[in-house]
Amino acid sequence: MRIVLGVGGGIAAYKVASLLRLFTEAGHKVSVIPTDAATRFVGVATWEALSGNPVSNSVFDDVEKVNHVRLGHEADLIVVAPATADLLAKAATGQAGDLLTNTLLMANGPVLFAPAMHTEMWQHAATQTNVETLRSRGVTVLEPASGRLTGADSGPGRLPEPEAIFAAAMALAEASTDDEPDAAPAAHTSLAGRTVSISAGGTREALDPVRFLGNRSSGKQGAALAAAALAAGATVRFLAAHMDVQPPAGVELVRVESALELREAALKAAVDSDVVIMAAAVADFRPAEVSDTKIKKVDGEDAPVVRLIRNPDILHELVERRNAGGGQQLIVGFAAETGDAQGDVLEHAAAKLKRKGCDLLVVNQVGIGRVFGLDENSVVILSGHGAAAESAAGSKADVAAAVIDRVGAELTRVFPAT
């Protein structure tokens, strides 16, 4: 794959050398275009040595190759990191004062920006407007990480780690249809301009300060759904319970632990969401009493009895609130089912779909050695609006792509954009 790596003039430019290494070690051909300011942080020699290609940001170098047109036109993917406030503004307003901004105007393939700047700069209304403009054009703008910034300050604005940017870039490239210019993508595959809230991972219900009731969910499927939604152009809010994998770069991350915390976060997130996908494995019960101190074994005494109480039904509550408010919001549930004497997996799932009232229910059969923690999955997508059931199988990324595609189709059919 031919990648153009634009480097902005921020101190985080030093991290981008590691990103470049990830691209080249994966076998991709990378052309680096640093801004003039970027070369004051990391010199041209570094970029040439790591990429194996000549480096320039001047439209007057190698004029006979017409680089200001050729590079963007030929690139399969353009990644800009760090994307400074200045670069975001120039890209949003279509400026073309150097080789990088010219290349962005010539982009034929997907474009990804990884912002990095001070918190106040990121949160400034001008920057947020520029980000919204770029996203509305189908450009992927990741959310910056939160953490230590230049000096003693800390907050949102930190460049995501190179591995996270690499994963987001590869997911974007894989989802792109630009390699097939004759194939017109279906309109429902795009979630551009939509806000999607996704829950993932397993909740933990405290018994005492060191013990909890939990489940086997790894969060892999939820993370894959978030990556697929980002690739489809959505703004993604990610409600993460306990996960064995890192959330994808580019999401608005909300950390939760218990079912009650997830309920609060989900109800808040749903207010301005076009789609809510409840993929988290939520505990049905929690301990009625939580000890303030570690529960200890005492010789001569019986083991303590743990009394459980029901957790709220978050999915059903989301549907009820949506219906009461007359909102045009698609709500998707997940059902991890096992068959028993009362019925098979799909019979239980159909009953759950009717009971919950959601628009789509993604069903998989779980158990020891199935689904949880694995990289493969197999699901059936049931519709609450009478559409035919649909199966999807393969990697969790493949399943996520199928679910997001179905979400786009259902959203367009049931709640079309106005």
Protein backbone atom coordinates (compact mmCIF):
# COMPACT_ATOMS: atom_id res chain seq x y z
CA MET A 1 0.00 0.00 0.00
CA ARG A 2 1.21 3.51 -0.82
CA ILE A 3 0.96 5.77 2.21
CA VAL A 4 1.62 9.49 2.51
CA LEU A 5 2.61 10.36 6.06
CA GLY A 6 2.21 14.07 6.80
CA VAL A 7 4.01 15.32 9.89
CA GLY A 8 2.84 18.48 11.64
CA GLY A 9 4.94 20.92 13.60
CA GLY A 10 4.41 19.76 17.15
CA ILE A 11 6.66 18.23 19.76
CA ALA A 12 4.81 14.92 19.34
CA ALA A 13 6.49 14.61 15.93
CA TYR A 14 9.16 12.46 17.57
CA LYS A 15 6.53 9.75 18.20
CA VAL A 16 5.68 9.65 14.50
CA ALA A 17 9.08 8.11 13.76
CA SER A 18 7.77 4.98 15.50
CA LEU A 19 4.56 5.15 13.45
CA LEU A 20 6.64 5.34 10.27
CA ARG A 21 8.55 2.27 11.39
CA LEU A 22 5.29 0.36 11.91
CA PHE A 23 4.16 1.23 8.38
CA THR A 24 7.43 0.23 6.72
CA GLU A 25 7.81 -2.98 8.73
CA ALA A 26 4.30 -3.96 7.61
CA GLY A 27 5.55 -3.73 4.02
CA HIS A 28 3.99 -0.42 3.00
CA LYS A 29 5.71 2.19 0.83
CA VAL A 30 5.70 5.49 2.70
CA SER A 31 6.32 9.02 1.43
CA VAL A 32 6.89 11.40 4.33
CA ILE A 33 5.92 15.06 3.98
CA PRO A 34 6.89 17.07 7.07
CA THR A 35 5.88 20.70 7.38
CA ASP A 36 8.71 23.19 7.71
CA ALA A 37 7.86 23.51 11.42
CA ALA A 38 8.00 19.71 11.82
CA THR A 39 11.61 19.62 10.63
CA ARG A 40 12.56 21.82 13.60
CA PHE A 41 11.52 18.93 15.85
CA VAL A 42 12.70 15.96 13.73
CA GLY A 43 15.09 16.51 10.84
CA VAL A 44 14.70 15.47 7.21
CA ALA A 45 17.55 12.95 7.54
CA THR A 46 15.53 10.93 10.07
CA TRP A 47 12.50 10.73 7.81
CA GLU A 48 14.60 9.75 4.78
CA ALA A 49 16.51 7.09 6.71
CA LEU A 50 13.37 5.49 8.15
CA SER A 51 11.28 5.68 4.95
CA GLY A 52 14.00 4.95 2.41
CA ASN A 53 12.60 7.76 0.25
CA PRO A 54 13.61 11.39 -0.39
CA VAL A 55 11.73 13.89 1.77
CA SER A 56 10.56 17.42 0.95
CA ASN A 57 7.70 19.79 1.65
CA SER A 58 8.36 22.08 -1.29
CA VAL A 59 6.22 22.12 -4.42
CA PHE A 60 9.36 23.24 -6.31
CA ASP A 61 11.42 20.08 -5.68
CA ASP A 62 11.29 17.47 -8.47
CA VAL A 63 8.95 19.69 -10.44
CA GLU A 64 9.03 17.34 -13.40
CA LYS A 65 7.27 14.68 -11.27
CA VAL A 66 4.42 17.10 -10.42
CA ASN A 67 4.53 15.89 -6.82
CA HIS A 68 1.87 18.30 -5.58
CA VAL A 69 -0.61 16.42 -7.77
CA ARG A 70 0.93 12.96 -8.02
CA LEU A 71 1.42 12.11 -4.35
CA GLY A 72 -2.17 12.66 -3.26
CA HIS A 73 -3.57 11.13 -6.42
CA GLU A 74 -1.54 7.92 -6.09
CA ALA A 75 -1.78 7.46 -2.31
CA ASP A 76 -3.93 4.60 -1.02
CA LEU A 77 -3.98 6.28 2.38
CA ILE A 78 -2.92 9.64 3.84
CA VAL A 79 -2.14 9.90 7.56
CA VAL A 80 -1.32 13.22 9.23
CA ALA A 81 0.32 13.01 12.67
CA PRO A 82 0.60 15.08 14.70
CA ALA A 83 -2.25 17.08 13.21
CA THR A 84 -1.80 20.50 14.78
CA ALA A 85 -4.54 23.09 15.14
CA ASP A 86 -2.90 24.97 12.28
CA LEU A 87 -2.94 21.94 9.97
CA LEU A 88 -6.57 21.13 10.79
CA ALA A 89 -7.54 24.72 9.99
CA LYS A 90 -5.66 24.70 6.70
CA ALA A 91 -7.17 21.36 5.67
CA ALA A 92 -10.70 22.45 6.61
CA THR A 93 -10.43 25.68 4.62
CA GLY A 94 -8.71 24.12 1.61
CA GLN A 95 -5.44 26.02 1.81
CA ALA A 96 -2.57 24.85 -0.39
CA GLY A 97 0.56 26.68 0.69
CA ASP A 98 2.98 23.75 0.75
CA LEU A 99 3.37 20.20 -0.52
CA LEU A 100 1.40 18.60 2.33
CA THR A 101 -1.69 20.80 2.01
CA ASN A 102 -1.59 20.41 -1.80
CA THR A 103 -1.43 16.64 -1.34
CA LEU A 104 -4.44 16.69 0.96
CA LEU A 105 -6.47 18.53 -1.69
CA MET A 106 -5.53 15.84 -4.22
CA ALA A 107 -6.40 12.88 -1.97
CA ASN A 108 -8.23 10.08 -3.77
CA GLY A 109 -8.11 7.61 -0.89
CA PRO A 110 -9.02 7.75 2.79
CA VAL A 111 -7.47 10.44 5.00
CA LEU A 112 -6.79 10.16 8.73
CA PHE A 113 -5.78 12.97 11.08
CA ALA A 114 -4.28 12.22 14.51
CA PRO A 115 -4.53 15.52 16.42
CA ALA A 116 -2.08 16.67 19.08
CA MET A 117 -2.13 20.08 20.73
CA HIS A 118 -2.74 21.80 24.05
CA THR A 119 -6.13 21.10 25.66
CA GLU A 120 -7.45 24.63 25.23
CA MET A 121 -6.48 24.60 21.56
CA TRP A 122 -8.26 21.29 20.98
CA GLN A 123 -11.40 22.42 22.81
CA HIS A 124 -11.50 25.86 21.18
CA ALA A 125 -14.64 26.42 19.12
CA ALA A 126 -12.61 27.17 15.99
CA THR A 127 -10.76 23.84 16.17
CA GLN A 128 -13.94 21.89 16.90
CA THR A 129 -15.67 23.54 13.92
CA ASN A 130 -12.74 22.58 11.69
CA VAL A 131 -12.90 19.01 12.94
CA GLU A 132 -16.65 18.84 12.28
CA THR A 133 -16.08 20.22 8.77
CA LEU A 134 -13.46 17.59 7.98
CA ARG A 135 -15.56 14.75 9.38
CA SER A 136 -18.58 15.91 7.39
CA ARG A 137 -16.45 15.44 4.25
CA GLY A 138 -15.69 11.83 5.17
CA VAL A 139 -12.26 12.50 6.67
CA THR A 140 -11.38 10.50 9.80
CA VAL A 141 -10.23 12.72 12.66
CA LEU A 142 -9.22 10.71 15.71
CA GLU A 143 -9.93 11.95 19.20
CA PRO A 144 -6.67 12.89 20.94
CA ALA A 145 -5.60 10.92 23.98
CA SER A 146 -5.67 12.39 27.47
CA GLY A 147 -2.51 12.62 29.52
CA ARG A 148 0.61 14.59 30.18
CA LEU A 149 1.21 17.39 27.69
CA THR A 150 4.15 19.73 27.21
CA GLY A 151 5.31 21.06 30.57
CA ALA A 152 3.28 20.30 33.67
CA ASP A 153 -0.14 20.40 32.02
CA SER A 154 -2.33 17.34 31.51
CA GLY A 155 -5.58 16.75 29.66
CA PRO A 156 -7.05 15.84 26.26
CA GLY A 157 -4.71 16.79 23.42
CA ARG A 158 -2.02 14.16 23.64
CA LEU A 159 -1.11 12.30 20.44
CA PRO A 160 -2.50 8.74 20.49
CA GLU A 161 0.19 6.09 20.75
CA PRO A 162 1.75 5.05 17.41
CA GLU A 163 0.29 1.55 17.71
CA ALA A 164 -3.22 2.99 18.11
CA ILE A 165 -2.81 5.28 15.10
CA PHE A 166 -1.43 2.38 13.05
CA ALA A 167 -4.42 0.17 13.97
CA ALA A 168 -6.90 2.94 13.10
CA ALA A 169 -5.14 3.60 9.79
CA MET A 170 -5.15 -0.08 8.82
CA ALA A 171 -8.83 -0.42 9.73
CA LEU A 172 -9.65 2.65 7.66
CA ALA A 173 -7.69 1.37 4.68
CA GLU A 174 -9.31 -2.06 4.90
CA ALA A 175 -12.80 -0.57 5.03
CA SER A 176 -12.20 1.79 2.13
CA THR A 177 -13.66 0.94 -1.27
CA ASP A 178 -11.29 3.24 -3.13
CA ASP A 179 -9.33 0.28 -4.50
CA GLU A 180 -12.49 -0.54 -6.53
CA PRO A 181 -13.32 2.73 -8.28
CA ASP A 182 -15.92 1.13 -10.53
CA ALA A 183 -17.95 -0.21 -7.63
CA ALA A 184 -20.29 2.39 -6.19
CA PRO A 185 -20.65 1.79 -2.44
CA ALA A 186 -24.18 1.48 -1.12
CA ALA A 187 -25.34 4.68 0.51
CA HIS A 188 -26.30 2.88 3.73
CA THR A 189 -22.70 1.90 4.43
CA SER A 190 -21.86 5.48 5.40
CA LEU A 191 -22.44 6.77 8.92
CA ALA A 192 -20.92 10.17 8.17
CA GLY A 193 -22.51 12.82 10.34
CA ARG A 194 -23.99 10.23 12.71
CA THR A 195 -23.11 9.80 16.39
CA VAL A 196 -22.83 6.18 17.54
CA SER A 197 -22.53 5.16 21.20
CA ILE A 198 -21.15 1.66 21.79
CA SER A 199 -20.76 -0.20 25.09
CA ALA A 200 -18.18 -2.99 25.36
CA GLY A 201 -16.43 -5.30 27.80
CA GLY A 202 -17.71 -6.91 30.96
CA THR A 203 -19.08 -5.16 34.03
CA ARG A 204 -17.68 -5.96 37.47
CA GLU A 205 -19.87 -5.96 40.58
CA ALA A 206 -17.95 -5.39 43.80
CA LEU A 207 -18.13 -7.83 46.72
CA ASP A 208 -15.48 -6.05 48.76
CA PRO A 209 -12.47 -3.81 47.98
CA VAL A 210 -10.59 -6.66 46.26
CA ARG A 211 -13.22 -9.08 44.93
CA PHE A 212 -15.98 -8.79 42.36
CA LEU A 213 -18.49 -10.75 40.33
CA GLY A 214 -17.54 -10.59 36.65
CA ASN A 215 -17.79 -12.39 33.35
CA ARG A 216 -15.55 -13.64 30.55
CA SER A 217 -16.08 -10.80 28.08
CA SER A 218 -12.83 -9.51 26.52
CA GLY A 219 -14.29 -6.44 24.81
CA LYS A 220 -12.80 -7.51 21.45
CA GLN A 221 -16.10 -7.46 19.59
CA GLY A 222 -17.06 -4.08 20.99
CA ALA A 223 -13.68 -2.62 20.04
CA ALA A 224 -14.08 -4.02 16.52
CA LEU A 225 -17.54 -2.43 16.27
CA ALA A 226 -16.10 0.94 17.28
CA ALA A 227 -13.34 0.66 14.66
CA ALA A 228 -15.89 -0.28 11.98
CA ALA A 229 -18.16 2.64 12.93
CA LEU A 230 -15.20 5.04 12.80
CA ALA A 231 -14.28 3.70 9.37
CA ALA A 232 -17.88 4.31 8.24
CA GLY A 233 -17.47 7.98 9.17
CA ALA A 234 -19.32 8.04 12.50
CA THR A 235 -18.41 9.98 15.61
CA VAL A 236 -18.05 7.18 18.17
CA ARG A 237 -18.64 7.38 21.92
CA PHE A 238 -17.19 4.26 23.54
CA LEU A 239 -18.45 3.10 26.96
CA ALA A 240 -15.75 0.69 28.12
CA ALA A 241 -16.21 -1.71 31.02
CA HIS A 242 -13.41 -4.18 31.78
CA MET A 243 -11.59 -5.04 28.53
CA ASP A 244 -8.62 -7.24 27.62
CA VAL A 245 -7.84 -5.02 24.62
CA GLN A 246 -7.31 -1.30 24.18
CA PRO A 247 -10.19 0.81 22.83
CA PRO A 248 -9.52 1.98 19.27
CA ALA A 249 -7.99 5.39 18.76
CA GLY A 250 -10.43 8.05 17.69
CA VAL A 251 -13.30 7.29 20.04
CA GLU A 252 -14.65 9.47 22.82
CA LEU A 253 -13.78 7.15 25.71
CA VAL A 254 -15.95 6.77 28.83
CA ARG A 255 -14.68 4.27 31.42
CA VAL A 256 -17.19 2.38 33.59
CA GLU A 257 -16.96 -0.58 35.93
CA SER A 258 -20.34 -1.68 37.28
CA ALA A 259 -23.73 -2.11 35.65
CA LEU A 260 -25.03 0.95 37.52
CA GLU A 261 -22.14 3.06 36.20
CA LEU A 262 -22.82 1.77 32.69
CA ARG A 263 -26.50 2.61 33.03
CA GLU A 264 -25.70 6.20 33.96
CA ALA A 265 -23.19 6.55 31.12
CA ALA A 266 -25.48 4.92 28.54
CA LEU A 267 -28.50 7.07 29.37
CA LYS A 268 -26.35 10.19 29.16
CA ALA A 269 -24.69 9.11 25.90
CA ALA A 270 -28.01 8.22 24.28
CA VAL A 271 -29.34 11.77 24.52
CA ASP A 272 -27.53 12.96 21.38
CA SER A 273 -26.80 9.61 19.69
CA ASP A 274 -28.26 8.46 16.39
CA VAL A 275 -27.34 4.85 17.20
CA VAL A 276 -26.79 3.06 20.53
CA ILE A 277 -25.15 -0.37 20.39
CA MET A 278 -25.15 -2.23 23.71
CA ALA A 279 -22.42 -4.81 23.13
CA ALA A 280 -21.19 -4.92 26.74
CA ALA A 281 -21.71 -8.05 28.80
CA VAL A 282 -23.75 -6.54 31.63
CA ALA A 283 -24.16 -8.44 34.91
CA ASP A 284 -27.79 -9.38 35.55
CA PHE A 285 -27.20 -9.34 39.31
CA ARG A 286 -25.01 -7.57 41.87
CA PRO A 287 -24.32 -8.26 45.55
CA ALA A 288 -26.94 -6.73 47.82
CA GLU A 289 -24.25 -5.72 50.32
CA VAL A 290 -20.70 -4.60 49.55
CA SER A 291 -18.21 -4.93 52.37
CA ASP A 292 -16.00 -1.92 53.11
CA THR A 293 -13.19 -4.30 54.10
CA LYS A 294 -11.85 -7.53 52.65
CA ILE A 295 -14.04 -10.51 53.53
CA LYS A 296 -11.78 -12.93 55.42
CA LYS A 297 -11.95 -16.61 56.24
CA VAL A 298 -12.57 -17.21 59.92
CA ASP A 299 -11.81 -20.62 61.42
CA GLY A 300 -14.90 -22.29 62.79
CA GLU A 301 -17.31 -20.11 60.85
CA ASP A 302 -19.26 -20.99 57.74
CA ALA A 303 -18.47 -19.29 54.43
CA PRO A 304 -20.44 -16.08 53.98
CA VAL A 305 -23.63 -16.17 51.93
CA VAL A 306 -23.78 -13.64 49.10
CA ARG A 307 -27.28 -12.33 48.44
CA LEU A 308 -27.83 -10.99 44.94
CA ILE A 309 -30.21 -8.35 43.65
CA ARG A 310 -31.18 -7.59 40.06
CA ASN A 311 -29.40 -4.94 38.05
CA PRO A 312 -31.48 -2.56 35.92
CA ASP A 313 -32.31 -3.58 32.36
CA ILE A 314 -30.33 -0.87 30.56
CA LEU A 315 -31.32 -1.89 27.03
CA HIS A 316 -35.03 -1.93 27.84
CA GLU A 317 -34.77 1.43 29.61
CA LEU A 318 -33.03 2.97 26.60
CA VAL A 319 -35.86 1.78 24.36
CA GLU A 320 -38.54 3.05 26.73
CA ARG A 321 -36.93 6.50 26.95
CA ARG A 322 -36.51 6.65 23.17
CA ASN A 323 -40.14 5.71 22.60
CA ALA A 324 -41.45 8.11 25.25
CA GLY A 325 -39.55 10.98 23.69
CA GLY A 326 -40.48 10.08 20.13
CA GLY A 327 -36.81 10.03 19.19
CA GLN A 328 -35.47 8.75 15.88
CA GLN A 329 -32.71 6.64 17.33
CA LEU A 330 -31.64 3.11 16.38
CA ILE A 331 -31.01 0.85 19.38
CA VAL A 332 -29.07 -2.39 18.98
CA GLY A 333 -28.77 -5.09 21.61
CA PHE A 334 -26.45 -8.05 21.94
CA ALA A 335 -27.55 -11.42 23.26
CA ALA A 336 -25.01 -13.97 24.46
CA GLU A 337 -27.19 -17.07 24.71
CA THR A 338 -26.97 -20.76 25.52
CA GLY A 339 -29.62 -23.33 24.65
CA ASP A 340 -31.46 -25.28 27.36
CA ALA A 341 -34.49 -27.48 27.88
CA GLN A 342 -36.82 -24.53 27.29
CA GLY A 343 -35.48 -23.67 23.85
CA ASP A 344 -32.52 -23.23 21.55
CA VAL A 345 -30.37 -20.11 21.18
CA LEU A 346 -32.52 -18.43 18.50
CA GLU A 347 -35.78 -19.15 20.33
CA HIS A 348 -34.42 -17.49 23.47
CA ALA A 349 -33.07 -14.61 21.36
CA ALA A 350 -36.39 -14.02 19.57
CA ALA A 351 -38.16 -13.84 22.92
CA LYS A 352 -35.54 -11.41 24.20
CA LEU A 353 -35.91 -9.18 21.12
CA LYS A 354 -39.66 -8.96 21.70
CA ARG A 355 -39.18 -8.32 25.41
CA LYS A 356 -36.51 -5.65 25.02
CA GLY A 357 -38.13 -3.85 22.09
CA CYS A 358 -34.85 -2.88 20.40
CA ASP A 359 -34.50 -2.46 16.64
CA LEU A 360 -31.78 -5.06 16.08
CA LEU A 361 -30.50 -7.91 18.25
CA VAL A 362 -27.11 -9.48 17.52
CA VAL A 363 -27.13 -13.05 18.80
CA ASN A 364 -24.28 -15.44 19.46
CA GLN A 365 -24.01 -18.75 21.23
CA VAL A 366 -21.56 -18.60 24.10
CA GLY A 367 -19.91 -21.06 26.43
CA ILE A 368 -16.53 -22.35 27.52
CA GLY A 369 -14.22 -22.08 24.51
CA ARG A 370 -16.76 -20.08 22.51
CA VAL A 371 -16.72 -16.37 21.58
CA PHE A 372 -15.33 -14.87 24.80
CA GLY A 373 -11.69 -13.88 24.33
CA LEU A 374 -11.42 -15.44 20.88
CA ASP A 375 -10.68 -13.62 17.63
CA GLU A 376 -13.47 -15.36 15.69
CA ASN A 377 -17.21 -14.99 16.05
CA SER A 378 -20.45 -16.11 14.45
CA VAL A 379 -23.69 -14.17 14.91
CA VAL A 380 -27.26 -13.89 13.70
CA ILE A 381 -28.75 -10.39 13.40
CA LEU A 382 -32.47 -10.29 14.18
CA SER A 383 -34.68 -7.31 13.30
CA GLY A 384 -37.52 -5.93 15.37
CA HIS A 385 -39.07 -4.44 12.23
CA GLY A 386 -39.76 -7.67 10.38
CA ALA A 387 -36.69 -7.74 8.14
CA ALA A 388 -35.07 -11.09 7.45
CA ALA A 389 -32.47 -12.46 9.84
CA GLU A 390 -28.89 -12.18 8.66
CA SER A 391 -25.85 -14.28 9.55
CA ALA A 392 -22.24 -13.13 9.79
CA ALA A 393 -19.13 -15.11 10.63
CA GLY A 394 -15.35 -14.79 10.54
CA SER A 395 -13.00 -12.57 12.46
CA LYS A 396 -14.54 -10.18 14.95
CA ALA A 397 -13.55 -7.39 12.56
CA ASP A 398 -15.54 -9.13 9.79
CA VAL A 399 -18.54 -9.54 12.08
CA ALA A 400 -18.28 -5.90 13.18
CA ALA A 401 -18.26 -4.73 9.56
CA ALA A 402 -21.40 -6.78 8.85
CA VAL A 403 -23.18 -5.41 11.93
CA ILE A 404 -22.28 -1.79 11.13
CA ASP A 405 -23.38 -2.29 7.52
CA ARG A 406 -26.73 -3.64 8.76
CA VAL A 407 -27.01 -0.74 11.22
CA GLY A 408 -26.48 1.72 8.36
CA ALA A 409 -29.13 0.00 6.25
CA GLU A 410 -31.64 -0.15 9.10
CA LEU A 411 -30.97 3.46 10.11
CA THR A 412 -31.54 4.68 6.57
CA ARG A 413 -34.72 2.65 6.22
CA VAL A 414 -36.32 3.31 9.63
CA PHE A 415 -34.88 6.71 10.59
CA PRO A 416 -33.56 8.39 7.42
CA ALA A 417 -31.47 11.52 7.81
CA THR A 418 -33.43 14.73 7.34
